[in-house]
N, C-alpha and C. Protein backbone atom coordinates (compact mmCIF):
# COMPACT_ATOMS: atom_id res chain seq x y z
N LEU A 1 -21.11 -35.42 -11.54
CA LEU A 1 -21.32 -34.32 -12.49
C LEU A 1 -21.58 -33.00 -11.61
N ILE A 2 -22.24 -33.24 -10.44
CA ILE A 2 -22.24 -31.69 -9.50
C ILE A 2 -20.86 -31.78 -8.92
N LEU A 3 -19.91 -32.42 -8.55
CA LEU A 3 -18.63 -32.53 -7.98
C LEU A 3 -18.21 -31.50 -9.28
N PHE A 4 -18.30 -32.11 -10.65
CA PHE A 4 -17.46 -31.56 -11.70
C PHE A 4 -17.80 -30.34 -11.82
N LEU A 5 -19.06 -29.97 -11.79
CA LEU A 5 -19.56 -28.37 -11.65
C LEU A 5 -18.62 -27.51 -10.58
N LEU A 6 -19.04 -28.13 -9.37
CA LEU A 6 -18.37 -27.31 -8.03
C LEU A 6 -16.90 -26.84 -8.34
N LEU A 7 -16.38 -28.20 -8.70
CA LEU A 7 -14.71 -28.04 -9.20
C LEU A 7 -14.65 -26.87 -10.23
N LEU A 8 -15.05 -27.04 -11.26
CA LEU A 8 -15.27 -25.63 -12.39
C LEU A 8 -15.50 -24.66 -11.89
N GLY A 9 -16.54 -24.10 -11.01
CA GLY A 9 -16.68 -23.25 -10.14
C GLY A 9 -15.96 -22.61 -9.54
N ALA A 10 -15.22 -23.52 -8.85
CA ALA A 10 -13.92 -22.84 -7.88
C ALA A 10 -12.93 -22.41 -8.42
N VAL A 11 -12.66 -23.31 -9.48
CA VAL A 11 -11.76 -23.18 -10.58
C VAL A 11 -11.92 -21.34 -11.00
N GLY A 12 -13.41 -21.29 -11.87
CA GLY A 12 -13.26 -20.24 -12.47
C GLY A 12 -13.23 -18.98 -11.38
N SER A 13 -13.67 -19.05 -10.05
CA SER A 13 -13.68 -17.92 -8.91
C SER A 13 -12.33 -17.79 -8.81
N LEU A 14 -11.70 -18.80 -8.69
CA LEU A 14 -10.10 -18.44 -8.77
C LEU A 14 -9.42 -17.73 -9.54
N PHE A 15 -9.66 -18.45 -11.00
CA PHE A 15 -9.07 -17.50 -12.44
C PHE A 15 -9.55 -15.91 -12.21
N TYR A 16 -10.91 -16.04 -11.93
CA TYR A 16 -11.42 -14.44 -11.93
C TYR A 16 -10.68 -13.64 -10.63
N SER A 17 -10.33 -13.93 -9.81
CA SER A 17 -9.85 -13.59 -8.40
C SER A 17 -8.48 -13.34 -8.47
N VAL A 18 -7.55 -13.88 -9.32
CA VAL A 18 -6.22 -13.41 -9.70
C VAL A 18 -5.92 -12.84 -10.69
N CYS A 19 -6.86 -13.10 -11.95
CA CYS A 19 -6.80 -12.65 -13.20
C CYS A 19 -7.27 -11.20 -13.93
N MET A 20 -8.53 -11.66 -13.32
CA MET A 20 -9.83 -10.48 -13.99
C MET A 20 -10.28 -9.54 -13.27
N ALA A 21 -10.24 -9.76 -11.93
CA ALA A 21 -10.26 -9.40 -10.79
C ALA A 21 -10.20 -7.55 -11.27
N PRO A 22 -10.73 -6.46 -10.83
CA PRO A 22 -10.27 -5.01 -11.18
C PRO A 22 -9.10 -4.90 -10.14
N ALA A 23 -8.04 -4.22 -10.03
CA ALA A 23 -6.63 -4.01 -9.38
C ALA A 23 -6.87 -2.68 -8.71
N ASN A 24 -7.95 -2.11 -8.66
CA ASN A 24 -8.18 -0.79 -7.78
C ASN A 24 -6.37 0.34 -7.63
N VAL A 25 -5.99 0.32 -9.04
CA VAL A 25 -4.99 1.34 -8.88
C VAL A 25 -5.18 2.78 -9.00
N ASP A 26 -4.11 3.63 -8.73
CA ASP A 26 -3.91 5.03 -8.59
C ASP A 26 -3.51 5.61 -9.68
N ASP A 27 -3.50 6.62 -9.96
CA ASP A 27 -2.87 7.32 -10.65
C ASP A 27 -1.92 8.51 -9.75
N PRO A 28 -0.70 8.15 -9.49
CA PRO A 28 -0.02 8.84 -8.44
C PRO A 28 0.33 10.34 -8.60
N GLN A 29 0.32 10.64 -9.86
CA GLN A 29 0.25 11.97 -10.52
C GLN A 29 -0.64 12.97 -9.70
N GLN A 30 -1.89 12.60 -9.97
CA GLN A 30 -3.03 12.78 -9.89
C GLN A 30 -3.50 12.90 -8.47
N MET A 31 -3.28 11.70 -7.77
CA MET A 31 -3.36 11.64 -6.33
C MET A 31 -2.38 12.62 -5.49
N ALA A 32 -1.37 13.09 -5.91
CA ALA A 32 -0.36 13.69 -4.99
C ALA A 32 -0.72 15.16 -5.44
N ALA A 33 -1.85 15.65 -6.48
CA ALA A 33 -2.15 16.79 -7.04
C ALA A 33 -3.47 17.42 -6.21
N LEU A 34 -3.78 16.15 -5.47
CA LEU A 34 -5.30 17.04 -4.96
C LEU A 34 -5.11 17.92 -3.63
N ASP A 35 -6.11 18.53 -3.48
CA ASP A 35 -6.07 19.62 -2.50
C ASP A 35 -5.84 18.72 -1.22
N PRO A 36 -4.96 19.37 -0.40
CA PRO A 36 -4.62 19.09 0.80
C PRO A 36 -5.76 19.09 1.96
N MET A 37 -5.88 18.35 2.72
CA MET A 37 -6.90 17.96 3.75
C MET A 37 -6.94 19.33 4.46
N PRO A 38 -8.09 19.71 5.19
CA PRO A 38 -8.05 20.78 5.72
C PRO A 38 -7.47 20.82 7.08
N ALA A 39 -6.91 21.53 7.87
CA ALA A 39 -6.14 21.59 8.95
C ALA A 39 -6.72 21.42 10.02
N ALA A 40 -8.33 21.71 10.12
CA ALA A 40 -9.33 21.32 11.20
C ALA A 40 -9.75 19.38 11.04
N GLU A 41 -9.21 19.42 9.84
CA GLU A 41 -9.62 17.77 9.70
C GLU A 41 -8.67 16.85 10.00
N ARG A 42 -7.04 17.36 9.53
CA ARG A 42 -5.85 16.99 9.69
C ARG A 42 -5.20 16.80 10.99
N PHE A 43 -5.65 17.93 11.82
CA PHE A 43 -5.04 18.22 13.61
C PHE A 43 -6.12 18.07 14.46
N ARG A 44 -5.90 17.09 15.58
CA ARG A 44 -6.27 17.33 16.82
C ARG A 44 -5.54 17.56 17.67
N PHE A 45 -5.55 18.18 18.59
CA PHE A 45 -4.85 19.09 19.69
C PHE A 45 -5.19 18.38 20.94
N SER A 46 -4.76 18.23 22.00
CA SER A 46 -5.17 17.60 23.40
C SER A 46 -4.16 18.41 24.33
N ALA A 47 -4.52 19.41 24.74
CA ALA A 47 -3.51 20.39 25.71
C ALA A 47 -3.65 19.81 27.13
N ALA A 48 -4.38 18.92 27.42
CA ALA A 48 -4.09 18.20 28.85
C ALA A 48 -3.20 16.94 28.82
N ASP A 49 -3.13 16.42 27.44
CA ASP A 49 -2.03 15.34 28.00
C ASP A 49 -0.80 15.81 26.36
N ARG A 50 -0.99 17.09 25.92
CA ARG A 50 0.17 17.87 25.44
C ARG A 50 0.40 16.93 23.98
N THR A 51 -0.68 16.49 23.51
CA THR A 51 -0.15 15.83 22.29
C THR A 51 -0.84 16.27 21.04
N THR A 52 -0.59 15.54 19.94
CA THR A 52 -1.27 15.82 18.51
C THR A 52 -1.52 14.50 17.91
N GLN A 53 -3.01 14.59 17.18
CA GLN A 53 -2.74 13.43 16.68
C GLN A 53 -3.26 13.92 14.85
N ILE A 54 -2.32 13.39 14.13
CA ILE A 54 -2.25 13.92 12.59
C ILE A 54 -2.73 12.92 11.79
N LYS A 55 -3.76 13.06 10.91
CA LYS A 55 -4.34 12.32 10.17
C LYS A 55 -3.63 12.43 8.62
N VAL A 56 -3.19 11.41 7.99
CA VAL A 56 -2.78 11.19 6.89
C VAL A 56 -3.65 10.36 5.88
N ASN A 57 -3.68 10.89 4.50
CA ASN A 57 -4.50 9.67 3.76
C ASN A 57 -3.62 9.50 2.30
N ALA A 58 -4.39 8.58 1.69
CA ALA A 58 -3.62 7.95 0.51
C ALA A 58 -2.60 9.17 -0.52
N SER A 59 -3.47 10.24 -0.71
CA SER A 59 -2.74 11.35 -1.41
C SER A 59 -1.52 11.75 -0.64
N ASP A 60 -1.55 11.84 0.49
CA ASP A 60 -0.38 12.49 1.36
C ASP A 60 0.87 11.45 0.94
N ILE A 61 0.42 10.08 1.06
CA ILE A 61 1.37 9.26 1.32
C ILE A 61 1.96 9.42 -0.48
N TRP A 62 1.19 9.21 -1.43
CA TRP A 62 1.80 9.63 -2.59
C TRP A 62 2.46 10.73 -2.78
N ASN A 63 2.31 11.85 -2.07
CA ASN A 63 3.03 12.84 -1.95
C ASN A 63 4.69 12.55 -1.88
N LEU A 64 4.43 11.86 -0.88
CA LEU A 64 6.00 11.55 -0.18
C LEU A 64 6.61 10.60 -0.91
N VAL A 65 5.92 9.43 -1.53
CA VAL A 65 6.50 8.52 -2.55
C VAL A 65 7.23 9.31 -3.70
N LEU A 66 6.33 10.15 -4.48
CA LEU A 66 6.98 10.88 -5.55
C LEU A 66 8.03 11.64 -5.02
N ASN A 67 7.97 12.71 -3.97
CA ASN A 67 8.99 13.44 -3.22
C ASN A 67 10.49 12.64 -3.21
N TYR A 68 10.53 11.64 -2.75
CA TYR A 68 11.41 10.54 -1.89
C TYR A 68 11.78 9.66 -3.09
N ALA A 69 10.96 8.67 -3.92
CA ALA A 69 11.29 7.72 -4.75
C ALA A 69 11.23 8.42 -5.96
N GLY A 70 10.69 9.60 -6.54
CA GLY A 70 10.70 10.36 -7.79
C GLY A 70 9.50 9.51 -8.57
N GLU A 71 9.15 10.31 -9.38
CA GLU A 71 8.08 10.06 -10.58
C GLU A 71 8.33 8.49 -11.44
N ASP A 72 9.64 8.31 -11.32
CA ASP A 72 9.80 6.85 -11.98
C ASP A 72 9.91 5.74 -11.24
N PHE A 73 9.11 6.07 -10.12
CA PHE A 73 9.35 4.93 -9.16
C PHE A 73 9.26 3.37 -9.61
N LEU A 74 7.82 3.18 -10.57
CA LEU A 74 7.38 2.15 -11.01
C LEU A 74 8.48 1.56 -11.76
N ASP A 75 9.38 2.31 -12.90
CA ASP A 75 10.48 1.75 -13.23
C ASP A 75 11.45 1.31 -12.71
N LYS A 76 11.79 1.94 -11.49
CA LYS A 76 12.86 1.12 -10.74
C LYS A 76 12.31 -0.21 -10.20
N VAL A 77 10.95 -0.49 -9.80
CA VAL A 77 10.81 -1.64 -9.27
C VAL A 77 10.87 -2.69 -10.52
N ASN A 78 10.33 -1.99 -11.52
CA ASN A 78 10.41 -3.18 -12.88
C ASN A 78 11.51 -3.75 -13.37
N GLN A 79 12.82 -2.47 -12.98
CA GLN A 79 14.02 -3.03 -13.09
C GLN A 79 14.56 -4.49 -11.98
N GLU A 80 14.06 -4.10 -10.94
CA GLU A 80 14.51 -5.34 -9.78
C GLU A 80 13.54 -6.43 -10.13
N LEU A 81 12.29 -6.49 -10.95
CA LEU A 81 11.63 -7.39 -11.20
C LEU A 81 11.77 -8.31 -12.11
N SER A 82 12.73 -7.43 -13.16
CA SER A 82 12.76 -8.01 -14.88
C SER A 82 13.12 -9.33 -14.83
N ALA A 83 14.26 -9.72 -13.78
CA ALA A 83 14.78 -10.89 -13.62
C ALA A 83 14.03 -12.22 -13.56
N PHE A 84 12.53 -11.83 -13.00
CA PHE A 84 11.31 -12.92 -12.54
C PHE A 84 10.43 -12.66 -13.57
N SER A 85 11.00 -12.19 -14.92
CA SER A 85 9.54 -11.74 -15.74
C SER A 85 8.45 -11.35 -15.07
N VAL A 86 8.47 -10.36 -14.34
CA VAL A 86 7.36 -9.85 -13.52
C VAL A 86 7.57 -8.06 -13.97
N SER A 87 6.23 -7.90 -14.12
CA SER A 87 6.33 -5.87 -14.24
C SER A 87 5.03 -5.75 -13.34
N VAL A 88 5.40 -4.43 -12.74
CA VAL A 88 4.08 -3.80 -12.43
C VAL A 88 3.65 -2.56 -13.02
N SER A 89 2.20 -2.73 -13.43
CA SER A 89 1.68 -2.06 -14.32
C SER A 89 0.90 -0.68 -13.50
N GLY A 90 0.56 -1.21 -12.51
CA GLY A 90 -0.17 0.13 -11.58
C GLY A 90 -0.06 -0.21 -10.27
N CYS A 91 -0.24 0.46 -9.53
CA CYS A 91 -0.17 0.46 -7.98
C CYS A 91 -1.38 1.67 -7.43
N GLY A 92 -1.86 0.77 -6.38
CA GLY A 92 -3.17 1.51 -5.56
C GLY A 92 -2.56 1.74 -3.95
N ILE A 93 -2.97 2.64 -3.01
CA ILE A 93 -3.09 2.56 -1.64
C ILE A 93 -4.59 2.45 -1.35
N GLN A 94 -4.73 1.68 -0.04
CA GLN A 94 -5.95 1.49 0.31
C GLN A 94 -5.63 1.56 1.84
N ILE A 95 -6.24 2.33 2.40
CA ILE A 95 -6.25 2.35 3.87
C ILE A 95 -7.61 2.02 4.53
N ASN A 96 -7.64 0.95 5.31
CA ASN A 96 -8.46 0.42 6.25
C ASN A 96 -8.46 0.22 7.71
N GLU A 97 -8.97 -0.45 8.60
CA GLU A 97 -8.99 -0.14 9.99
C GLU A 97 -7.87 -1.58 10.09
N ASN A 98 -7.37 -2.22 9.32
CA ASN A 98 -6.33 -3.10 9.50
C ASN A 98 -4.87 -2.44 9.03
N GLY A 99 -4.75 -1.31 8.55
CA GLY A 99 -3.59 -0.58 7.94
C GLY A 99 -3.53 -0.36 6.61
N PRO A 100 -2.59 -0.14 6.02
CA PRO A 100 -2.41 0.11 4.55
C PRO A 100 -2.13 -1.16 3.78
N GLN A 101 -2.67 -1.01 2.62
CA GLN A 101 -2.43 -2.29 1.76
C GLN A 101 -2.18 -1.59 0.24
N LEU A 102 -1.50 -2.22 -0.54
CA LEU A 102 -0.92 -2.01 -1.60
C LEU A 102 -1.88 -2.56 -2.60
N ASN A 103 -2.43 -2.37 -3.71
CA ASN A 103 -3.11 -3.01 -4.81
C ASN A 103 -2.62 -3.11 -5.94
N LEU A 104 -1.84 -3.85 -6.34
CA LEU A 104 -0.98 -3.98 -7.48
C LEU A 104 -1.90 -4.87 -8.93
N GLU A 105 -1.34 -4.17 -9.99
CA GLU A 105 -1.64 -4.93 -11.25
C GLU A 105 -0.34 -5.04 -11.82
N LEU A 106 -0.27 -6.67 -12.11
CA LEU A 106 1.07 -7.40 -12.49
C LEU A 106 0.79 -7.98 -13.73
N PHE A 107 2.33 -7.94 -14.47
CA PHE A 107 2.14 -8.72 -15.38
C PHE A 107 3.13 -10.03 -15.43
N TYR A 108 2.82 -11.36 -15.52
CA TYR A 108 3.82 -12.20 -15.64
C TYR A 108 3.89 -12.59 -17.11
N LYS A 109 5.07 -12.40 -17.75
CA LYS A 109 5.06 -11.94 -19.15
C LYS A 109 4.14 -11.55 -19.97
N ASP A 110 3.24 -12.13 -20.53
CA ASP A 110 2.02 -11.25 -20.67
C ASP A 110 0.87 -11.74 -20.02
N PHE A 111 0.77 -12.31 -19.15
CA PHE A 111 -0.50 -12.68 -18.18
C PHE A 111 -0.58 -11.42 -17.33
N ARG A 112 -1.74 -10.97 -17.18
CA ARG A 112 -2.44 -10.36 -15.93
C ARG A 112 -2.88 -10.94 -14.63
N LEU A 113 -2.22 -10.55 -13.70
CA LEU A 113 -2.40 -10.74 -12.23
C LEU A 113 -2.69 -9.81 -11.29
N VAL A 114 -3.50 -10.06 -10.59
CA VAL A 114 -4.03 -8.86 -9.43
C VAL A 114 -3.55 -9.06 -8.12
N ALA A 115 -2.70 -8.50 -7.51
CA ALA A 115 -1.98 -8.75 -5.96
C ALA A 115 -2.27 -7.73 -5.00
N LYS A 116 -2.59 -8.05 -4.02
CA LYS A 116 -2.56 -7.59 -2.86
C LYS A 116 -1.44 -7.48 -1.89
N VAL A 117 -1.08 -6.38 -0.93
CA VAL A 117 0.40 -6.58 -0.43
C VAL A 117 -0.30 -5.83 1.02
N PRO A 118 -0.74 -6.51 1.76
CA PRO A 118 -1.16 -5.67 3.33
C PRO A 118 0.22 -5.43 3.51
N CYS A 119 0.19 -4.19 4.43
CA CYS A 119 1.77 -3.61 5.13
C CYS A 119 1.73 -3.10 6.29
N THR A 120 2.73 -2.99 7.08
CA THR A 120 2.75 -2.45 8.25
C THR A 120 3.76 -1.05 8.38
N LEU A 121 3.32 -0.21 9.28
CA LEU A 121 3.99 1.23 9.08
C LEU A 121 4.49 1.02 10.98
N GLU A 122 5.92 1.39 10.98
CA GLU A 122 6.52 1.36 12.14
C GLU A 122 7.08 2.89 12.25
N ALA A 123 7.07 3.33 13.46
CA ALA A 123 7.47 4.75 13.72
C ALA A 123 8.62 4.50 15.00
N SER A 124 9.45 5.28 14.70
CA SER A 124 10.45 5.58 16.07
C SER A 124 11.00 7.08 16.15
N GLY A 125 10.47 8.09 16.98
CA GLY A 125 10.73 9.61 16.78
C GLY A 125 10.60 9.73 15.37
N GLN A 126 11.17 10.11 14.81
CA GLN A 126 10.64 10.68 13.61
C GLN A 126 10.95 9.61 12.30
N HIS A 127 11.26 8.60 12.53
CA HIS A 127 11.97 7.63 11.86
C HIS A 127 10.70 6.72 11.24
N PHE A 128 10.09 6.68 9.79
CA PHE A 128 9.36 5.66 9.81
C PHE A 128 9.45 4.73 8.83
N CYS A 129 9.13 3.42 9.09
CA CYS A 129 9.46 2.25 7.90
C CYS A 129 8.09 1.48 7.49
N PHE A 130 7.85 1.55 6.37
CA PHE A 130 6.72 1.18 5.52
C PHE A 130 7.07 0.01 5.25
N LYS A 131 6.27 -1.42 5.75
CA LYS A 131 7.10 -2.73 5.05
C LYS A 131 5.94 -3.60 4.81
N PRO A 132 6.03 -4.44 3.49
CA PRO A 132 5.07 -5.24 3.44
C PRO A 132 4.93 -6.61 4.15
N ALA A 133 3.84 -7.01 4.80
CA ALA A 133 3.57 -8.23 5.66
C ALA A 133 3.31 -9.34 4.93
N GLY A 134 3.12 -9.54 3.63
CA GLY A 134 2.96 -10.49 2.87
C GLY A 134 1.85 -10.22 1.42
N VAL A 135 1.60 -11.21 0.64
CA VAL A 135 1.25 -11.01 -0.62
C VAL A 135 -0.37 -12.09 -0.68
N LYS A 136 -1.24 -11.54 -1.33
CA LYS A 136 -2.18 -12.20 -1.80
C LYS A 136 -2.49 -12.33 -3.65
N LEU A 137 -2.33 -13.20 -4.12
CA LEU A 137 -2.67 -13.09 -5.42
C LEU A 137 -3.91 -13.40 -5.52
N GLY A 138 -5.10 -12.51 -5.85
CA GLY A 138 -6.47 -12.77 -5.97
C GLY A 138 -6.64 -13.22 -4.41
N VAL A 139 -7.39 -14.44 -4.24
CA VAL A 139 -7.74 -14.85 -3.01
C VAL A 139 -6.69 -15.76 -2.33
N ILE A 140 -5.61 -15.97 -2.88
CA ILE A 140 -4.60 -16.89 -2.56
C ILE A 140 -3.38 -16.25 -1.77
N PRO A 141 -3.28 -16.37 -0.27
CA PRO A 141 -2.08 -16.07 0.26
C PRO A 141 -0.98 -16.76 0.03
N LEU A 142 0.02 -15.76 -0.16
CA LEU A 142 1.41 -16.45 -0.73
C LEU A 142 2.70 -16.43 0.25
N PRO A 143 3.14 -17.49 0.13
CA PRO A 143 4.10 -17.43 1.54
C PRO A 143 5.58 -16.77 0.94
N VAL A 144 5.45 -15.67 0.63
CA VAL A 144 6.60 -14.87 0.17
C VAL A 144 7.03 -14.00 1.15
N SER A 145 6.62 -14.17 2.46
CA SER A 145 7.08 -13.01 3.36
C SER A 145 8.55 -12.87 3.90
N ALA A 146 8.89 -13.97 3.54
CA ALA A 146 10.67 -14.11 3.98
C ALA A 146 11.30 -13.27 2.88
N PHE A 147 10.92 -13.30 1.74
CA PHE A 147 11.45 -12.58 0.32
C PHE A 147 11.27 -10.95 0.57
N LEU A 148 9.72 -10.66 0.98
CA LEU A 148 9.25 -9.44 1.04
C LEU A 148 10.00 -8.75 2.42
N SER A 149 10.56 -9.75 3.16
CA SER A 149 10.90 -8.64 4.64
C SER A 149 12.28 -7.69 4.31
N SER A 150 12.63 -7.99 3.11
CA SER A 150 13.77 -7.31 2.97
C SER A 150 13.36 -5.82 2.12
N VAL A 151 12.39 -5.96 2.06
CA VAL A 151 11.67 -4.69 0.79
C VAL A 151 10.98 -3.96 1.96
N ASN A 152 11.50 -2.61 2.07
CA ASN A 152 10.77 -1.72 2.95
C ASN A 152 11.00 -0.32 2.33
N LEU A 153 10.15 0.55 2.71
CA LEU A 153 10.72 2.04 2.67
C LEU A 153 10.69 3.18 3.79
N GLU A 154 11.54 3.47 3.86
CA GLU A 154 12.32 4.02 5.31
C GLU A 154 12.42 5.70 4.95
N PHE A 155 11.87 6.16 5.88
CA PHE A 155 11.92 7.63 5.72
C PHE A 155 12.35 8.45 7.08
N ASP A 156 13.17 9.68 7.00
CA ASP A 156 13.21 10.36 8.14
C ASP A 156 12.82 11.61 7.80
N LEU A 157 11.65 12.02 8.45
CA LEU A 157 10.85 12.91 8.19
C LEU A 157 11.08 13.93 9.25
N GLN A 158 11.24 15.20 8.81
CA GLN A 158 11.54 16.28 10.04
C GLN A 158 9.94 17.12 9.84
N LEU A 159 9.05 16.74 10.79
CA LEU A 159 8.00 17.44 10.81
C LEU A 159 7.94 18.56 12.03
N PRO A 160 7.64 19.70 12.04
CA PRO A 160 7.89 20.77 12.62
C PRO A 160 6.80 20.65 14.12
N VAL A 161 5.76 19.94 13.85
CA VAL A 161 4.86 19.89 14.82
C VAL A 161 4.94 18.42 15.63
N VAL A 162 5.78 17.49 15.19
CA VAL A 162 6.32 16.15 15.67
C VAL A 162 7.55 16.38 16.52
N SER A 163 7.60 15.77 17.45
CA SER A 163 8.65 15.73 17.85
C SER A 163 9.20 13.97 18.17
N HIS A 164 8.14 13.16 18.60
CA HIS A 164 8.39 11.43 18.50
C HIS A 164 6.85 11.21 18.07
N VAL A 165 6.56 9.98 17.53
CA VAL A 165 5.21 9.20 17.38
C VAL A 165 5.14 8.10 18.50
N GLU A 166 4.25 8.29 19.25
CA GLU A 166 3.92 7.35 20.46
C GLU A 166 3.02 6.28 19.96
N GLU A 167 2.05 6.32 19.04
CA GLU A 167 1.32 5.53 18.40
C GLU A 167 0.74 5.61 17.08
N ILE A 168 0.43 4.16 16.38
CA ILE A 168 -0.14 4.65 15.08
C ILE A 168 -1.04 3.87 15.01
N SER A 169 -2.71 4.15 14.66
CA SER A 169 -3.63 3.65 14.27
C SER A 169 -4.25 3.66 13.23
N TYR A 170 -5.22 2.99 12.85
CA TYR A 170 -5.81 3.44 11.46
C TYR A 170 -7.46 3.36 11.32
N GLU A 171 -8.07 4.20 10.45
CA GLU A 171 -9.38 4.32 9.91
C GLU A 171 -9.57 4.23 8.77
N LYS A 172 -10.83 3.82 8.18
CA LYS A 172 -11.05 4.01 6.97
C LYS A 172 -10.83 5.01 5.93
N GLY A 173 -9.33 5.05 5.31
CA GLY A 173 -9.16 6.05 4.50
C GLY A 173 -7.93 6.91 5.09
N ALA A 174 -7.32 6.59 6.32
CA ALA A 174 -6.42 7.30 6.94
C ALA A 174 -5.70 6.50 7.99
N ILE A 175 -4.21 7.12 8.09
CA ILE A 175 -3.37 6.62 9.14
C ILE A 175 -3.71 7.69 10.31
N LEU A 176 -3.82 7.52 11.72
CA LEU A 176 -3.49 8.11 13.08
C LEU A 176 -2.26 8.37 13.27
């Protein structure tokens, strides 16, 4: 009886993490419309080594996505996923010390799923590449990184202050 109850509790916990947990999705238009970060908070200059550190948050990323991919970016994603009977109803961006993560609310047919996609951000000069590094469906890591390795968002940004990027680091809520 105790083993059955433990098994039932584990299955219930797993079901909750995959299907019932909050998805933490953003409203992209609302996030992009937020007031920009003040310059004193966004930029740190070092005259000694002639470098600048620039802080980027989730609303900056949403601005970039909406400008490059368009406001209908989820429609484009759902067209690609329709062959698998999967659709994305919402997406959120979370940044912590380990890097950026996409929080997705998915539907497989009529079954709601919550997925987290940790990502990497690579930079070379003024070329930036945002790539998924894996997928967690609730608490279950999925071995789909080979499939996701072909998915990336690449941007060439002409930033007046930046000639090239030397290093990328993360803190809670921001990419540096």
